[in-house]
Amino acid sequence: MSANGGTKAIVAALLANVGIAVTKFIAFLLSGSSSMLAEAVHSVADSGNQGLLLLGGKRAKRAATPEHPFGYGRERYIYAFIVSIVLFSIGGLFALYEAYHKWHDPHGIESWHWLPVVVLVVAIVMESFSFRTAIKESNHIRGNQSWVRFIRRAKAPELPVVLLEDFGALVGLVFALFGVTMTLITGNGEWDAAGTAMIGILLVVIAVVLAIETKSLLLGEGAEASELAAIERAVTDGPEVERIIHMKTLYLGPEELLVAAKIAVPEWENAHDLARGINAVEARIRAAVPIARVIYLEPDVYSVAAANAGTGAAADTAVPPAEGAAGEAAGRAGG
């Protein structure tokens, strides 16, 4: 659902931004407003970003290969990170440069005076429809989370990216409308420069937030607390497993979770019964958390020594052999 909803939101934003960019460039050419130029470049950057997100979603669907045995799901994170770089450099830094240039040459709007206002109002209406689509699609998977937590914790990057871009676009349009209107009222182009600077600062802040959150996904995030609890219940909810010795999870992509666990199992009469028990545990995990598609369970015999050794390599050798345990017990008895 998140992938389909994300695609719908991306397409809506792309169509809106292409149309808005064209009208903004026309308004800039006719009026010479720096705010309009900054907003036009912003819309072009957003259009390119949505194209990158669509490309990343398509490439992420490629089948796994020997070189990439876990598939290409994380490619969606890579393209989302590129989006943050594009938004920062092309959108934010260009707007700040244009504001600096306009501040040192603060000429007013010389012709087609009210055209930028009309274009900005129309753009606000069009951007609002795109933002509404992003909110609607996000609500399908957001649940009871706050918007801040949803943006910070969402594993599918497309919806948070589109939400922040659309939010930034709307606020940026308001800043541009403020700068243009004050320039028209006062005849002082410094207001236009101020509106452009506010747009640049806004875009830089949004780009930094996107970069930080996407970087966390690229590094690799584990399952949420609710998902971990569901997996733990699924593992131990049966006679096949006595306890979980240790477990690690990792998102291979927005909709694919890897689960690796060392589990303490009772003594089985033969390997066939042990394998059947592990298969039953895997089935319960997939039923509890459907995105847990890659599961590795290592059966072991629990001991206090293994538990004290932690989750590193030492834990693999901390369980004493049966002969050593028996000899140690006999020695204590003899003493």
Protein backbone atom coordinates (compact mmCIF):
# COMPACT_ATOMS: atom_id res chain seq x y z
CA MET A 1 0.00 0.00 0.00
CA SER A 2 2.81 2.40 0.86
CA ALA A 3 4.48 1.90 -2.51
CA ASN A 4 1.27 2.45 -4.48
CA GLY A 5 0.29 5.41 -2.33
CA GLY A 6 3.77 6.88 -2.65
CA THR A 7 3.67 6.59 -6.44
CA LYS A 8 0.29 8.31 -6.60
CA ALA A 9 1.53 11.17 -4.43
CA ILE A 10 4.73 11.51 -6.51
CA VAL A 11 2.83 11.66 -9.80
CA ALA A 12 0.41 14.27 -8.41
CA ALA A 13 3.33 16.39 -7.19
CA LEU A 14 5.19 15.99 -10.49
CA LEU A 15 2.25 17.15 -12.59
CA ALA A 16 1.62 20.10 -10.29
CA ASN A 17 5.26 21.20 -10.22
CA VAL A 18 5.74 21.03 -13.98
CA GLY A 19 2.73 23.26 -14.57
CA ILE A 20 3.73 25.62 -11.76
CA ALA A 21 7.33 25.88 -12.99
CA VAL A 22 6.23 26.96 -16.47
CA THR A 23 3.92 29.69 -15.15
CA LYS A 24 6.58 30.94 -12.69
CA PHE A 25 9.22 31.24 -15.40
CA ILE A 26 6.80 33.19 -17.59
CA ALA A 27 5.99 35.50 -14.68
CA PHE A 28 9.71 36.01 -13.95
CA LEU A 29 10.51 36.84 -17.58
CA LEU A 30 7.69 39.40 -17.70
CA SER A 31 8.19 40.97 -14.26
CA GLY A 32 11.85 40.39 -13.33
CA SER A 33 10.95 39.33 -9.78
CA SER A 34 13.75 37.41 -8.04
CA SER A 35 11.21 35.65 -5.82
CA MET A 36 9.53 34.33 -8.94
CA LEU A 37 12.86 33.12 -10.32
CA ALA A 38 13.71 31.39 -7.03
CA GLU A 39 10.29 29.74 -6.94
CA ALA A 40 10.57 28.69 -10.60
CA VAL A 41 13.93 27.01 -9.96
CA HIS A 42 12.46 25.46 -6.81
CA SER A 43 9.63 23.94 -8.87
CA VAL A 44 12.11 22.63 -11.45
CA ALA A 45 14.16 21.04 -8.66
CA ASP A 46 11.02 19.48 -7.18
CA SER A 47 10.00 18.13 -10.59
CA GLY A 48 13.43 16.55 -11.00
CA ASN A 49 13.20 15.14 -7.49
CA GLN A 50 9.89 13.45 -8.21
CA GLY A 51 11.40 11.98 -11.36
CA LEU A 52 14.28 10.62 -9.25
CA LEU A 53 11.86 9.05 -6.77
CA LEU A 54 9.95 7.34 -9.58
CA LEU A 55 13.22 6.08 -11.06
CA GLY A 56 14.37 4.79 -7.68
CA GLY A 57 11.08 2.96 -7.14
CA LYS A 58 11.36 1.29 -10.54
CA ARG A 59 15.00 0.24 -10.10
CA ALA A 60 14.31 -1.12 -6.61
CA LYS A 61 12.00 -3.74 -8.11
CA ARG A 62 14.83 -5.52 -9.90
CA ALA A 63 15.33 -9.15 -8.95
CA ALA A 64 18.19 -10.19 -6.70
CA THR A 65 21.48 -11.17 -8.34
CA PRO A 66 24.55 -13.08 -7.10
CA GLU A 67 26.29 -9.73 -6.67
CA HIS A 68 23.31 -8.28 -4.76
CA PRO A 69 21.70 -11.35 -3.15
CA PHE A 70 19.31 -9.29 -1.01
CA GLY A 71 17.95 -7.37 -3.98
CA TYR A 72 17.84 -3.64 -4.71
CA GLY A 73 15.23 -2.42 -2.23
CA ARG A 74 17.60 0.10 -0.68
CA GLU A 75 17.94 1.88 -4.01
CA ARG A 76 14.83 3.82 -3.01
CA TYR A 77 16.82 5.22 -0.07
CA ILE A 78 19.72 6.20 -2.34
CA TYR A 79 17.50 8.19 -4.69
CA ALA A 80 15.75 9.84 -1.75
CA PHE A 81 19.17 10.94 -0.47
CA ILE A 82 20.01 12.35 -3.90
CA VAL A 83 16.75 14.29 -3.72
CA SER A 84 17.92 15.98 -0.52
CA ILE A 85 21.18 16.98 -2.22
CA VAL A 86 19.36 18.39 -5.25
CA LEU A 87 16.93 20.32 -3.05
CA PHE A 88 19.82 21.74 -1.02
CA SER A 89 22.04 22.74 -3.94
CA ILE A 90 19.69 23.67 -6.77
CA GLY A 91 16.76 24.88 -4.70
CA GLY A 92 18.17 26.31 -1.48
CA LEU A 93 21.61 27.60 -2.47
CA PHE A 94 20.38 29.09 -5.74
CA ALA A 95 17.64 30.99 -3.90
CA LEU A 96 20.17 32.33 -1.39
CA TYR A 97 22.49 33.40 -4.22
CA GLU A 98 19.62 35.13 -6.02
CA ALA A 99 18.61 36.88 -2.78
CA TYR A 100 22.19 38.13 -2.31
CA HIS A 101 22.29 39.40 -5.89
CA LYS A 102 18.90 41.12 -5.62
CA TRP A 103 19.77 42.70 -2.25
CA HIS A 104 22.73 44.48 -3.87
CA ASP A 105 20.59 45.56 -6.82
CA PRO A 106 17.14 46.06 -5.27
CA HIS A 107 15.16 47.22 -8.26
CA GLY A 108 11.39 46.91 -8.04
CA ILE A 109 9.05 45.03 -10.34
CA GLU A 110 9.17 47.09 -13.51
CA SER A 111 6.39 45.59 -15.65
CA TRP A 112 3.42 43.26 -15.43
CA HIS A 113 3.24 44.35 -11.84
CA TRP A 114 0.44 42.14 -10.55
CA LEU A 115 1.14 39.10 -12.72
CA PRO A 116 3.45 37.50 -10.10
CA VAL A 117 0.71 37.80 -7.49
CA VAL A 118 -1.80 36.06 -9.75
CA VAL A 119 0.68 33.32 -10.60
CA LEU A 120 1.58 32.76 -6.95
CA VAL A 121 -2.05 32.52 -5.88
CA VAL A 122 -2.76 30.00 -8.66
CA ALA A 123 0.38 28.08 -7.68
CA ILE A 124 -0.74 27.95 -4.04
CA VAL A 125 -4.05 26.42 -5.15
CA MET A 126 -2.33 23.82 -7.37
CA GLU A 127 0.27 22.98 -4.72
CA SER A 128 -2.49 22.57 -2.13
CA PHE A 129 -4.07 19.81 -4.21
CA SER A 130 -0.72 18.02 -4.43
CA PHE A 131 -0.17 18.41 -0.68
CA ARG A 132 -3.69 17.12 0.00
CA THR A 133 -2.95 13.99 -2.06
CA ALA A 134 0.26 13.37 -0.12
CA ILE A 135 -1.56 13.77 3.21
CA LYS A 136 -4.36 11.46 2.12
CA GLU A 137 -1.99 8.72 0.98
CA SER A 138 0.16 9.09 4.10
CA ASN A 139 -2.86 8.70 6.38
CA HIS A 140 -3.35 5.17 5.03
CA ILE A 141 -0.15 4.03 6.73
CA ARG A 142 0.48 6.72 9.36
CA GLY A 143 -1.97 5.31 11.87
CA ASN A 144 -1.91 7.13 15.21
CA GLN A 145 1.61 8.49 14.75
CA SER A 146 2.21 12.21 14.84
CA TRP A 147 3.37 13.77 11.59
CA VAL A 148 6.84 14.36 13.02
CA ARG A 149 7.19 10.73 14.10
CA PHE A 150 5.81 9.50 10.77
CA ILE A 151 8.40 11.48 8.83
CA ARG A 152 11.20 10.35 11.15
CA ARG A 153 10.25 6.67 11.36
CA ALA A 154 8.71 5.87 7.97
CA LYS A 155 10.67 3.17 6.15
CA ALA A 156 9.28 4.06 2.72
CA PRO A 157 11.00 7.37 1.86
CA GLU A 158 8.70 8.59 -0.92
CA LEU A 159 5.77 9.88 1.13
CA PRO A 160 7.88 11.76 3.72
CA VAL A 161 9.91 13.32 0.90
CA VAL A 162 6.81 14.45 -1.01
CA LEU A 163 5.18 15.69 2.20
CA LEU A 164 8.19 17.84 3.09
CA GLU A 165 8.61 19.07 -0.48
CA ASP A 166 4.96 20.04 -0.79
CA PHE A 167 4.97 21.67 2.63
CA GLY A 168 8.13 23.58 1.72
CA ALA A 169 6.62 24.58 -1.61
CA LEU A 170 3.48 25.97 0.04
CA VAL A 171 5.40 27.91 2.67
CA GLY A 172 7.84 29.11 0.01
CA LEU A 173 4.97 30.38 -2.10
CA VAL A 174 3.68 32.34 0.88
CA PHE A 175 7.16 33.84 1.38
CA ALA A 176 7.32 34.74 -2.32
CA LEU A 177 3.84 36.27 -2.20
CA PHE A 178 4.88 38.33 0.81
CA GLY A 179 8.05 39.57 -0.89
CA VAL A 180 6.35 40.39 -4.18
CA THR A 181 3.38 42.13 -2.55
CA MET A 182 5.57 44.29 -0.30
CA THR A 183 7.74 45.19 -3.30
CA LEU A 184 4.67 46.28 -5.26
CA ILE A 185 3.37 48.33 -2.32
CA THR A 186 6.65 50.02 -1.41
CA GLY A 187 8.51 49.94 -4.72
CA ASN A 188 11.54 48.65 -2.79
CA GLY A 189 13.11 45.52 -4.29
CA GLU A 190 14.72 44.61 -0.96
CA TRP A 191 11.40 43.04 0.06
CA ASP A 192 11.65 40.79 -2.99
CA ALA A 193 15.19 39.86 -1.94
CA ALA A 194 14.01 39.13 1.61
CA GLY A 195 11.27 36.81 0.34
CA THR A 196 13.82 35.03 -1.85
CA ALA A 197 16.19 34.61 1.12
CA MET A 198 13.42 33.13 3.26
CA ILE A 199 12.70 30.61 0.48
CA GLY A 200 16.38 29.66 0.35
CA ILE A 201 16.68 29.16 4.12
CA LEU A 202 13.48 27.09 4.16
CA LEU A 203 14.70 24.80 1.39
CA VAL A 204 18.11 24.32 3.02
CA VAL A 205 16.47 23.34 6.33
CA ILE A 206 14.13 20.85 4.63
CA ALA A 207 17.02 19.39 2.61
CA VAL A 208 19.10 18.90 5.77
CA VAL A 209 16.18 17.14 7.52
CA LEU A 210 15.69 14.85 4.52
CA ALA A 211 19.41 14.08 4.34
CA ILE A 212 19.59 13.17 8.05
CA GLU A 213 16.55 10.89 7.96
CA THR A 214 17.54 9.20 4.69
CA LYS A 215 21.11 8.71 5.92
CA SER A 216 19.72 6.70 8.84
CA LEU A 217 17.84 4.45 6.41
CA LEU A 218 20.92 4.02 4.25
CA LEU A 219 22.99 2.97 7.26
CA GLY A 220 20.38 0.35 8.09
CA GLU A 221 17.52 0.52 10.57
CA GLY A 222 16.08 -2.34 12.57
CA ALA A 223 12.45 -3.22 13.15
CA GLU A 224 10.19 -0.97 15.19
CA ALA A 225 9.49 -1.87 18.83
CA SER A 226 6.00 -3.15 17.94
CA GLU A 227 7.42 -5.32 15.16
CA LEU A 228 10.13 -6.70 17.45
CA ALA A 229 7.54 -7.59 20.08
CA ALA A 230 5.40 -9.37 17.47
CA ILE A 231 8.40 -11.32 16.18
CA GLU A 232 9.45 -12.33 19.70
CA ARG A 233 5.95 -13.56 20.49
CA ALA A 234 5.83 -15.51 17.23
CA VAL A 235 9.17 -17.18 17.96
CA THR A 236 8.38 -18.26 21.50
CA ASP A 237 4.68 -18.99 21.06
CA GLY A 238 5.14 -22.71 20.58
CA PRO A 239 6.98 -25.75 21.89
CA GLU A 240 9.69 -25.51 19.24
CA VAL A 241 11.68 -22.75 21.01
CA GLU A 242 12.57 -22.39 24.67
CA ARG A 243 13.84 -18.82 24.40
CA ILE A 244 15.56 -16.32 22.11
CA ILE A 245 19.28 -16.15 22.84
CA HIS A 246 19.74 -13.06 20.66
CA MET A 247 18.12 -11.55 17.61
CA LYS A 248 18.89 -8.85 15.06
CA THR A 249 16.67 -7.27 12.41
CA LEU A 250 17.44 -5.06 9.42
CA TYR A 251 15.34 -3.36 6.76
CA LEU A 252 16.64 -4.50 3.36
CA GLY A 253 14.17 -2.10 1.76
CA PRO A 254 11.00 -0.26 2.75
CA GLU A 255 8.91 -3.43 2.52
CA GLU A 256 11.43 -6.19 3.25
CA LEU A 257 12.72 -7.05 6.71
CA LEU A 258 15.57 -9.43 7.54
CA VAL A 259 15.30 -11.39 10.80
CA ALA A 260 18.29 -13.32 12.15
CA ALA A 261 18.09 -15.06 15.52
CA LYS A 262 19.88 -17.63 17.61
CA ILE A 263 17.21 -19.66 19.40
CA ALA A 264 17.39 -22.14 22.23
CA VAL A 265 15.60 -25.35 21.27
CA PRO A 266 14.77 -28.48 23.27
CA GLU A 267 16.36 -31.77 22.40
CA TRP A 268 14.94 -33.26 19.23
CA GLU A 269 15.10 -36.92 18.30
CA ASN A 270 16.22 -36.25 14.74
CA ALA A 271 17.13 -33.47 12.32
CA HIS A 272 13.83 -33.83 10.44
CA ASP A 273 11.82 -32.86 13.51
CA LEU A 274 14.19 -29.95 14.23
CA ALA A 275 13.83 -28.63 10.67
CA ARG A 276 10.06 -28.96 10.85
CA GLY A 277 10.03 -27.02 14.12
CA ILE A 278 12.12 -24.21 12.66
CA ASN A 279 9.84 -24.02 9.62
CA ALA A 280 6.85 -23.68 11.94
CA VAL A 281 8.55 -20.78 13.75
CA GLU A 282 9.33 -19.05 10.43
CA ALA A 283 5.70 -19.41 9.36
CA ARG A 284 4.53 -17.78 12.61
CA ILE A 285 6.98 -14.88 12.12
CA ARG A 286 5.75 -14.23 8.58
CA ALA A 287 2.14 -14.35 9.74
CA ALA A 288 2.84 -11.86 12.53
CA VAL A 289 5.02 -9.49 10.46
CA PRO A 290 4.39 -10.05 6.73
CA ILE A 291 7.33 -7.90 5.63
CA ALA A 292 9.72 -10.31 7.41
CA ARG A 293 10.61 -12.03 4.15
CA VAL A 294 14.21 -13.07 4.87
CA ILE A 295 14.53 -15.17 8.03
CA TYR A 296 17.57 -17.01 9.39
CA LEU A 297 17.14 -19.05 12.56
CA GLU A 298 20.11 -20.75 14.19
CA PRO A 299 19.18 -23.49 16.70
CA ASP A 300 21.35 -23.76 19.79
CA VAL A 301 21.38 -25.08 23.35
CA TYR A 302 20.95 -22.36 25.95
CA SER A 303 23.43 -22.00 28.77
CA VAL A 304 24.27 -19.29 31.28
CA ALA A 305 27.80 -19.12 29.87
CA ALA A 306 26.46 -18.39 26.41
CA ALA A 307 24.14 -15.72 27.76
CA ASN A 308 26.98 -14.04 29.68
CA ALA A 309 29.14 -14.07 26.54
CA GLY A 310 26.74 -11.64 24.87
CA THR A 311 25.80 -11.54 21.21
CA GLY A 312 29.25 -11.58 19.63
CA ALA A 313 31.36 -14.41 18.31
CA ALA A 314 32.18 -15.53 21.85
CA ALA A 315 28.57 -16.61 22.31
CA ASP A 316 29.05 -19.26 19.63
CA THR A 317 31.72 -21.05 21.68
CA ALA A 318 30.44 -20.40 25.17
CA VAL A 319 28.24 -23.52 25.33
CA PRO A 320 30.46 -26.24 26.84
CA PRO A 321 30.63 -29.60 25.02
CA ALA A 322 28.63 -32.40 26.55
CA GLU A 323 31.79 -34.32 27.44
CA GLY A 324 33.35 -31.33 29.18
CA ALA A 325 30.19 -30.62 31.14
CA ALA A 326 29.93 -34.23 32.24
CA GLY A 327 33.60 -34.34 33.27
CA GLU A 328 33.26 -31.12 35.23
CA ALA A 329 30.23 -32.47 37.04
CA ALA A 330 32.05 -35.70 37.87
CA GLY A 331 35.02 -33.75 39.20
CA ARG A 332 32.80 -31.73 41.51
CA ALA A 333 31.15 -34.91 42.73
CA GLY A 334 34.54 -36.55 43.40
CA GLY A 335 35.74 -33.49 45.28
